[in-house]
Amino acid sequence: MAQAHIHKARFAPGTVVRHRRFGYRGLIFDVDAMYSQSPEWYDIMASSHPPKDRPWYHVLVDGETHTTYVAEDNLEVCTQTEEFEHPLLRQLFTAQAGGDFASRHVVN
């Protein structure tokens, strides 16, 4: 039986990212080694059909109250890390010097 290749995640919890397609800033709070939502969610929400066998990220959206689930292919590092606003921010992270964020606990 062939074993699936696991791709190493490019981003870790606490990384500020920007969505390549939609432009919003986000903060990663959890990482899945591969897609873990339902096939129905993928069909409805993942309109660009990114690979399911690569890392997917749970992301706090800056200035909003919701979170998103995003394929690695749709994210890039964002150098603008200051003044991040989300209601779950203080529950999930502690602010560090230089605008970095340290996870309060391992979610996954």
Protein backbone atom coordinates (compact mmCIF):
# COMPACT_ATOMS: atom_id res chain seq x y z
CA MET A 1 0.00 0.00 0.00
CA ALA A 2 1.43 3.39 -1.01
CA GLN A 3 1.94 5.86 1.80
CA ALA A 4 0.76 9.45 1.34
CA HIS A 5 3.52 12.05 1.31
CA ILE A 6 3.12 14.55 4.13
CA HIS A 7 4.10 18.08 3.17
CA LYS A 8 5.78 20.18 5.84
CA ALA A 9 3.73 23.24 6.77
CA ARG A 10 5.32 26.54 5.69
CA PHE A 11 3.56 28.52 8.42
CA ALA A 12 3.18 27.94 12.17
CA PRO A 13 0.64 29.18 14.71
CA GLY A 14 1.42 32.83 15.42
CA THR A 15 2.37 33.64 11.81
CA VAL A 16 0.65 36.69 10.32
CA VAL A 17 -0.38 35.95 6.74
CA ARG A 18 -2.20 37.57 3.85
CA HIS A 19 -4.72 35.74 1.68
CA ARG A 20 -3.38 35.88 -1.90
CA ARG A 21 -6.80 36.01 -3.53
CA PHE A 22 -8.95 38.00 -1.09
CA GLY A 23 -6.25 40.23 0.43
CA TYR A 24 -7.25 40.02 4.08
CA ARG A 25 -4.69 39.75 6.86
CA GLY A 26 -4.92 36.79 9.20
CA LEU A 27 -3.19 35.11 12.11
CA ILE A 28 -2.72 31.35 12.02
CA PHE A 29 -3.93 29.63 15.18
CA ASP A 30 -3.89 25.98 14.10
CA VAL A 31 -2.53 23.80 11.28
CA ASP A 32 -3.88 20.62 9.69
CA ALA A 33 -1.34 18.49 7.80
CA MET A 34 -4.00 18.01 5.13
CA TYR A 35 -7.59 19.05 4.48
CA SER A 36 -9.87 17.88 7.30
CA GLN A 37 -13.28 19.43 6.65
CA SER A 38 -16.23 17.79 4.89
CA PRO A 39 -16.37 17.18 1.13
CA GLU A 40 -19.47 19.41 1.05
CA TRP A 41 -17.58 22.34 2.63
CA TYR A 42 -14.78 21.94 0.10
CA ASP A 43 -17.21 21.91 -2.84
CA ILE A 44 -18.95 25.08 -1.61
CA MET A 45 -16.12 27.12 -0.06
CA ALA A 46 -12.90 26.10 -1.84
CA SER A 47 -13.79 27.50 -5.24
CA SER A 48 -10.18 27.49 -6.50
CA HIS A 49 -9.96 23.75 -5.60
CA PRO A 50 -6.59 23.87 -3.78
CA PRO A 51 -4.89 20.53 -3.04
CA LYS A 52 -6.31 18.56 -0.13
CA ASP A 53 -3.04 16.70 0.49
CA ARG A 54 -1.12 19.81 1.57
CA PRO A 55 -1.40 21.82 4.82
CA TRP A 56 -4.54 23.83 5.61
CA TYR A 57 -4.71 26.56 8.24
CA HIS A 58 -7.22 27.85 10.77
CA VAL A 59 -6.93 31.64 10.60
CA LEU A 60 -8.20 34.56 12.70
CA VAL A 61 -9.27 37.34 10.31
CA ASP A 62 -7.95 40.80 11.26
CA GLY A 63 -10.69 43.28 12.11
CA GLU A 64 -13.45 40.64 11.95
CA THR A 65 -15.09 38.23 14.39
CA HIS A 66 -14.93 35.06 12.26
CA THR A 67 -12.20 32.58 11.44
CA THR A 68 -11.37 30.97 8.10
CA TYR A 69 -9.95 27.66 6.93
CA VAL A 70 -7.40 28.25 4.17
CA ALA A 71 -5.17 26.11 1.96
CA GLU A 72 -1.46 26.84 2.14
CA ASP A 73 -1.38 27.75 -1.58
CA ASN A 74 -3.64 30.73 -0.82
CA LEU A 75 -1.44 32.26 1.88
CA GLU A 76 1.73 34.34 1.98
CA VAL A 77 3.68 35.85 4.88
CA CYS A 78 2.54 39.35 5.82
CA THR A 79 5.20 41.69 7.20
CA GLN A 80 2.60 44.05 8.68
CA THR A 81 2.15 42.42 12.11
CA GLU A 82 1.20 45.30 14.38
CA GLU A 83 -2.31 46.23 15.54
CA PHE A 84 -4.01 42.91 14.92
CA GLU A 85 -7.64 42.82 16.10
CA HIS A 86 -9.80 39.75 16.69
CA PRO A 87 -11.98 38.80 19.69
CA LEU A 88 -10.19 35.44 20.13
CA LEU A 89 -6.68 36.93 19.94
CA ARG A 90 -6.08 37.26 23.70
CA GLN A 91 -7.50 33.78 24.38
CA LEU A 92 -5.22 32.07 21.86
CA PHE A 93 -2.04 34.18 21.93
CA THR A 94 0.23 36.36 24.01
CA ALA A 95 1.77 39.35 22.25
CA GLN A 96 5.56 39.29 21.95
CA ALA A 97 8.09 42.02 21.24
CA GLY A 98 8.23 43.16 17.63
CA GLY A 99 4.59 42.36 16.89
CA ASP A 100 4.98 38.57 17.02
CA PHE A 101 2.41 36.29 18.63
CA ALA A 102 3.10 33.23 20.80
CA SER A 103 0.43 30.56 21.05
CA ARG A 104 -0.93 30.06 24.56
CA HIS A 105 -1.38 26.33 23.91
CA VAL A 106 -1.13 23.70 21.22
CA VAL A 107 -4.56 23.33 19.63
CA ASN A 108 -3.90 20.27 17.48
